[in-house]
Amino acid sequence: MRHGPAVRRRKLGEELRRLRLDAGLTSRDAGLRAGWHQSKVSRIETGASGVKAADVTLLLDVYEVADPQLRALLETLADAADGGGDGWWHAYRGLLPPEYRDFISLEAHACAARTLETSVVPGLLQTPDYARAVTRAALEELPAATVNSLVEVRIARQSVLTAERPLELSAVLDEAALRREVGGVQVMRAQLDALRETAQLPHVRLQVLPFSVGGYVGLTSPFVIFSFPNISDLNVVVLDHLTSSLYLERKEDLEVYGAAFRTMQARALSPADSMDLIARISEGA
């Protein structure tokens, strides 16, 4: 169980080690060809130290890795794991805690996300007014200007759903998240209508766990599973708590949460029936 940058440093190192072995090189060979000491290669591969994107590029050249998508992913992960990068969220460094910036980075670079939400609409599906009401409720002492900036961030995150290669989003929502009138009747009705509209996107799958299912695994623990292109070993589960986020990276954890999500999808209403329920709730709002 680790924080995001440490997870990605270690996993990035494992991937670079695999590529080195595939190239038939020892760590000493790689160091010599890169003009480094062998210990630098070892530190990178164990995740003991950060690594710049330029260093990753050099290693990929040494290993003769030609796949442009793989190269871009590893170079981007190097910047993110080292605390650098040029993602839009870095403009909000003074506002966002490191854990939230790292979550946004994961979200921006993932190819797919599976999320369970038990009490609120997922951030990627929130309207501005709903996001503002949620933020005010959770952080009621913040000044209005800060709340507005946090809402800007929330809405900016949603660009992953309209990108050239959009995030594949599978969301399971507890019915409670749909019936809680966050922000009042009008805000909630607009939010429910927006959910139905976004669910029409071919890369978005939205299902509702109705009250009739009773208790279920995950009832008290919302989570997100991020998946990445080309490298399944980079997949990670994120558990969001009141003051921090935790990242689960072990294969066993990924299997347990993946199985739990599949179980909840099976118990949830179908996407079509979920849309019907949301429409009924909206009409009664």
Protein backbone atom coordinates (compact mmCIF):
# COMPACT_ATOMS: atom_id res chain seq x y z
CA MET A 1 0.00 0.00 0.00
CA ARG A 2 1.74 3.16 -1.18
CA HIS A 3 1.26 6.69 -2.39
CA GLY A 4 0.95 7.19 -6.15
CA PRO A 5 4.45 8.43 -7.10
CA ALA A 6 6.14 5.54 -5.25
CA VAL A 7 3.86 3.04 -6.97
CA ARG A 8 4.70 4.38 -10.39
CA ARG A 9 8.42 4.66 -9.73
CA ARG A 10 8.55 1.00 -8.78
CA LYS A 11 6.33 -0.16 -11.63
CA LEU A 12 8.16 1.99 -14.14
CA GLY A 13 11.40 0.44 -12.92
CA GLU A 14 10.00 -3.07 -13.32
CA GLU A 15 8.95 -2.32 -16.89
CA LEU A 16 12.36 -0.87 -17.75
CA ARG A 17 14.01 -3.97 -16.27
CA ARG A 18 11.79 -6.20 -18.42
CA LEU A 19 12.69 -4.23 -21.53
CA ARG A 20 16.40 -4.48 -20.64
CA LEU A 21 16.16 -8.25 -20.24
CA ASP A 22 14.22 -8.51 -23.51
CA ALA A 23 17.12 -6.67 -25.16
CA GLY A 24 19.54 -9.25 -23.73
CA LEU A 25 21.48 -6.71 -21.69
CA THR A 26 22.80 -6.76 -18.14
CA SER A 27 22.43 -3.67 -15.96
CA ARG A 28 26.18 -3.10 -16.47
CA ASP A 29 25.73 -3.27 -20.27
CA ALA A 30 22.84 -0.81 -20.10
CA GLY A 31 24.83 1.57 -17.92
CA LEU A 32 27.81 1.51 -20.26
CA ARG A 33 25.68 2.18 -23.33
CA ALA A 34 23.85 5.02 -21.57
CA GLY A 35 27.07 6.47 -20.22
CA TRP A 36 26.07 5.83 -16.61
CA HIS A 37 27.30 3.81 -13.68
CA GLN A 38 25.57 0.45 -13.24
CA SER A 39 24.18 1.63 -9.88
CA LYS A 40 22.03 4.28 -11.59
CA VAL A 41 20.32 1.63 -13.70
CA SER A 42 19.75 -0.47 -10.57
CA ARG A 43 18.28 2.46 -8.62
CA ILE A 44 15.89 3.23 -11.47
CA GLU A 45 14.79 -0.39 -11.82
CA THR A 46 14.10 -0.81 -8.09
CA GLY A 47 12.24 2.49 -7.86
CA ALA A 48 14.73 3.69 -5.26
CA SER A 49 15.13 7.02 -7.03
CA GLY A 50 13.15 9.17 -9.41
CA VAL A 51 13.93 9.19 -13.09
CA LYS A 52 13.60 11.98 -15.64
CA ALA A 53 11.75 11.45 -18.89
CA ALA A 54 15.01 12.17 -20.75
CA ASP A 55 16.69 9.28 -18.93
CA VAL A 56 13.84 6.95 -19.81
CA THR A 57 14.08 8.05 -23.44
CA LEU A 58 17.78 7.23 -23.43
CA LEU A 59 17.17 3.78 -21.94
CA LEU A 60 14.43 3.07 -24.47
CA ASP A 61 16.87 3.98 -27.24
CA VAL A 62 19.47 1.66 -25.71
CA TYR A 63 16.89 -1.14 -25.58
CA GLU A 64 15.74 -0.34 -29.15
CA VAL A 65 12.09 0.07 -28.12
CA ALA A 66 10.24 1.38 -31.18
CA ASP A 67 6.56 1.30 -30.07
CA PRO A 68 5.61 5.03 -29.95
CA GLN A 69 2.67 4.51 -27.59
CA LEU A 70 4.76 2.53 -25.13
CA ARG A 71 7.56 5.09 -25.28
CA ALA A 72 5.14 7.98 -24.70
CA LEU A 73 3.50 6.24 -21.74
CA LEU A 74 6.78 5.42 -20.00
CA GLU A 75 8.19 8.90 -20.58
CA THR A 76 5.02 10.48 -19.18
CA LEU A 77 5.03 8.18 -16.17
CA ALA A 78 8.63 9.12 -15.48
CA ASP A 79 7.73 12.81 -15.27
CA ALA A 80 4.68 12.14 -13.10
CA ALA A 81 6.48 9.76 -10.74
CA ASP A 82 9.31 12.25 -10.34
CA GLY A 83 6.89 15.06 -9.46
CA GLY A 84 7.36 16.86 -12.75
CA GLY A 85 5.33 16.81 -15.92
CA ASP A 86 3.41 19.52 -17.70
CA GLY A 87 -0.18 18.41 -17.16
CA TRP A 88 -2.77 21.16 -16.85
CA TRP A 89 -3.25 20.32 -13.17
CA HIS A 90 0.21 21.65 -12.32
CA ALA A 91 -1.19 25.16 -12.72
CA TYR A 92 -3.13 24.41 -9.53
CA ARG A 93 -0.14 23.26 -7.46
CA GLY A 94 -0.85 25.91 -4.82
CA LEU A 95 -4.44 24.73 -4.46
CA LEU A 96 -4.37 20.95 -4.81
CA PRO A 97 -2.64 18.58 -2.38
CA PRO A 98 -0.08 16.18 -3.91
CA GLU A 99 -2.43 13.21 -3.52
CA TYR A 100 -5.13 14.88 -5.61
CA ARG A 101 -2.66 15.99 -8.29
CA ASP A 102 -1.38 12.44 -8.50
CA PHE A 103 -4.92 11.07 -8.80
CA ILE A 104 -5.60 13.45 -11.69
CA SER A 105 -2.35 12.39 -13.34
CA LEU A 106 -3.35 8.72 -13.12
CA GLU A 107 -6.78 9.54 -14.52
CA ALA A 108 -5.31 11.55 -17.39
CA HIS A 109 -2.89 8.81 -18.46
CA ALA A 110 -5.13 5.77 -17.96
CA CYS A 111 -6.95 4.09 -20.83
CA ALA A 112 -9.79 2.80 -18.63
CA ALA A 113 -11.32 3.38 -15.22
CA ARG A 114 -13.76 1.31 -13.21
CA THR A 115 -15.38 3.13 -10.32
CA LEU A 116 -17.80 2.37 -7.53
CA GLU A 117 -19.51 5.34 -5.89
CA THR A 118 -21.79 4.84 -2.90
CA SER A 119 -22.79 8.37 -1.88
CA VAL A 120 -22.10 10.92 -4.64
CA VAL A 121 -21.98 11.08 -8.43
CA PRO A 122 -18.45 10.37 -9.74
CA GLY A 123 -16.40 13.50 -10.35
CA LEU A 124 -16.08 12.76 -14.08
CA LEU A 125 -19.87 12.87 -14.38
CA GLN A 126 -20.69 15.87 -12.18
CA THR A 127 -22.27 19.10 -13.42
CA PRO A 128 -20.65 22.36 -12.26
CA ASP A 129 -23.52 23.18 -9.90
CA TYR A 130 -23.51 19.71 -8.38
CA ALA A 131 -19.72 19.79 -8.03
CA ARG A 132 -19.97 23.15 -6.27
CA ALA A 133 -22.60 21.85 -3.86
CA VAL A 134 -20.57 18.72 -3.07
CA THR A 135 -17.42 20.77 -2.50
CA ARG A 136 -19.18 23.25 -0.24
CA ALA A 137 -20.71 20.43 1.80
CA ALA A 138 -17.42 18.54 2.20
CA LEU A 139 -15.22 21.61 2.78
CA GLU A 140 -17.66 24.11 4.20
CA GLU A 141 -15.07 26.51 5.63
CA LEU A 142 -13.38 27.24 2.30
CA PRO A 143 -13.81 30.70 0.79
CA ALA A 144 -16.00 30.97 -2.30
CA ALA A 145 -13.04 31.69 -4.61
CA THR A 146 -11.30 28.48 -3.55
CA VAL A 147 -14.48 26.48 -4.02
CA ASN A 148 -14.85 27.90 -7.52
CA SER A 149 -11.26 26.92 -8.36
CA LEU A 150 -11.83 23.38 -7.13
CA VAL A 151 -14.94 23.17 -9.30
CA GLU A 152 -12.86 24.34 -12.28
CA VAL A 153 -10.48 21.47 -11.62
CA ARG A 154 -13.33 18.98 -11.34
CA ILE A 155 -14.79 20.06 -14.68
CA ALA A 156 -11.37 20.19 -16.37
CA ARG A 157 -10.82 16.56 -15.41
CA GLN A 158 -13.80 15.61 -17.55
CA SER A 159 -11.82 16.34 -20.71
CA VAL A 160 -10.60 12.73 -20.57
CA LEU A 161 -14.07 11.69 -21.75
CA THR A 162 -13.89 13.86 -24.88
CA ALA A 163 -10.22 13.34 -25.78
CA GLU A 164 -9.13 11.88 -29.11
CA ARG A 165 -8.59 8.60 -27.26
CA PRO A 166 -11.19 8.92 -24.53
CA LEU A 167 -11.06 7.17 -21.19
CA GLU A 168 -13.18 4.03 -21.11
CA LEU A 169 -15.33 4.64 -18.03
CA SER A 170 -17.39 1.96 -16.28
CA ALA A 171 -19.25 3.34 -13.27
CA VAL A 172 -21.48 1.61 -10.75
CA LEU A 173 -23.53 3.99 -8.59
CA ASP A 174 -25.50 3.18 -5.49
CA GLU A 175 -29.09 4.38 -5.81
CA ALA A 176 -28.46 6.52 -2.73
CA ALA A 177 -26.13 8.74 -4.76
CA LEU A 178 -29.00 9.49 -7.13
CA ARG A 179 -31.64 10.21 -4.51
CA ARG A 180 -29.60 12.46 -2.21
CA GLU A 181 -30.62 16.02 -3.14
CA VAL A 182 -27.21 17.63 -3.24
CA GLY A 183 -27.66 21.33 -3.97
CA GLY A 184 -31.46 21.16 -4.03
CA VAL A 185 -34.11 19.87 -6.40
CA GLN A 186 -33.14 21.83 -9.52
CA VAL A 187 -29.43 21.08 -9.22
CA MET A 188 -30.17 17.41 -8.68
CA ARG A 189 -32.58 17.17 -11.61
CA ALA A 190 -30.00 18.77 -13.92
CA GLN A 191 -27.37 16.36 -12.61
CA LEU A 192 -29.55 13.32 -13.24
CA ASP A 193 -30.35 14.52 -16.76
CA ALA A 194 -26.63 15.06 -17.40
CA LEU A 195 -25.91 11.49 -16.28
CA ARG A 196 -28.35 10.13 -18.84
CA GLU A 197 -26.78 12.27 -21.57
CA THR A 198 -23.19 11.30 -20.77
CA ALA A 199 -24.16 7.62 -20.56
CA GLN A 200 -24.95 7.77 -24.28
CA LEU A 201 -21.26 8.06 -25.08
CA PRO A 202 -20.00 4.74 -26.49
CA HIS A 203 -17.07 4.62 -24.05
CA VAL A 204 -19.18 5.23 -20.92
CA ARG A 205 -21.03 2.41 -19.16
CA LEU A 206 -23.22 3.48 -16.25
CA GLN A 207 -25.12 1.09 -13.98
CA VAL A 208 -27.11 1.59 -10.80
CA LEU A 209 -27.15 -0.68 -7.76
CA PRO A 210 -30.78 -0.36 -6.60
CA PHE A 211 -31.78 -0.42 -2.94
CA SER A 212 -33.38 -3.82 -3.60
CA VAL A 213 -29.97 -5.55 -3.78
CA GLY A 214 -29.48 -4.90 -0.06
CA GLY A 215 -25.93 -5.08 1.21
CA TYR A 216 -23.06 -5.71 -1.19
CA VAL A 217 -19.30 -5.89 -1.22
CA GLY A 218 -17.94 -2.36 -1.46
CA LEU A 219 -20.92 -0.77 0.28
CA THR A 220 -18.68 1.19 2.63
CA SER A 221 -15.60 1.52 0.41
CA PRO A 222 -15.87 3.42 -2.88
CA PHE A 223 -12.87 2.85 -5.13
CA VAL A 224 -11.40 3.40 -8.59
CA ILE A 225 -9.39 0.92 -10.66
CA PHE A 226 -7.17 2.55 -13.28
CA SER A 227 -5.86 0.54 -16.24
CA PHE A 228 -3.09 1.61 -18.60
CA PRO A 229 -2.37 0.80 -22.25
CA ASN A 230 0.23 -1.87 -23.04
CA ILE A 231 1.30 -2.50 -19.44
CA SER A 232 -1.24 -4.24 -17.19
CA ASP A 233 1.29 -4.24 -14.35
CA LEU A 234 0.78 -0.48 -14.04
CA ASN A 235 -2.86 -0.94 -13.06
CA VAL A 236 -3.72 0.42 -9.63
CA VAL A 237 -6.63 0.62 -7.20
CA VAL A 238 -7.22 3.98 -5.53
CA LEU A 239 -9.04 4.24 -2.21
CA ASP A 240 -10.06 7.79 -1.37
CA HIS A 241 -10.26 8.81 2.29
CA LEU A 242 -11.17 12.08 3.95
CA THR A 243 -7.59 13.32 4.29
CA SER A 244 -5.60 11.14 1.88
CA SER A 245 -5.66 8.55 -0.89
CA LEU A 246 -4.14 5.09 -0.78
CA TYR A 247 -2.91 3.08 -3.77
CA LEU A 248 -3.06 -0.71 -3.94
CA GLU A 249 -0.71 -2.23 -6.49
CA ARG A 250 -0.31 -5.90 -5.60
CA LYS A 251 -1.63 -8.39 -8.12
CA GLU A 252 -3.72 -9.96 -5.37
CA ASP A 253 -5.38 -6.60 -4.57
CA LEU A 254 -6.11 -5.91 -8.23
CA GLU A 255 -7.69 -9.35 -8.62
CA VAL A 256 -9.87 -8.91 -5.51
CA TYR A 257 -11.12 -5.47 -6.50
CA GLY A 258 -11.56 -6.48 -10.13
CA ALA A 259 -13.67 -9.46 -9.06
CA ALA A 260 -15.67 -7.27 -6.66
CA PHE A 261 -16.41 -4.80 -9.44
CA ARG A 262 -17.55 -7.56 -11.78
CA THR A 263 -19.84 -8.89 -9.05
CA MET A 264 -21.37 -5.46 -8.53
CA GLN A 265 -21.88 -5.02 -12.27
CA ALA A 266 -23.69 -8.35 -12.35
CA ARG A 267 -25.94 -7.35 -9.43
CA ALA A 268 -26.61 -3.85 -10.76
CA LEU A 269 -29.34 -2.94 -13.19
CA SER A 270 -28.47 -3.14 -16.87
CA PRO A 271 -27.39 0.16 -18.48
CA ALA A 272 -30.83 0.52 -20.09
CA ASP A 273 -32.73 -0.23 -16.88
CA SER A 274 -30.38 2.10 -15.02
CA MET A 275 -31.30 4.92 -17.40
CA ASP A 276 -34.98 4.21 -16.81
CA LEU A 277 -34.51 4.41 -13.04
CA ILE A 278 -32.55 7.66 -13.31
CA ALA A 279 -35.33 9.11 -15.48
CA ARG A 280 -37.96 8.14 -12.92
CA ILE A 281 -35.95 9.66 -10.09
CA SER A 282 -35.44 12.83 -12.12
CA GLU A 283 -39.16 13.15 -12.84
CA GLY A 284 -39.89 12.92 -9.15
CA ALA A 285 -37.16 15.36 -8.15
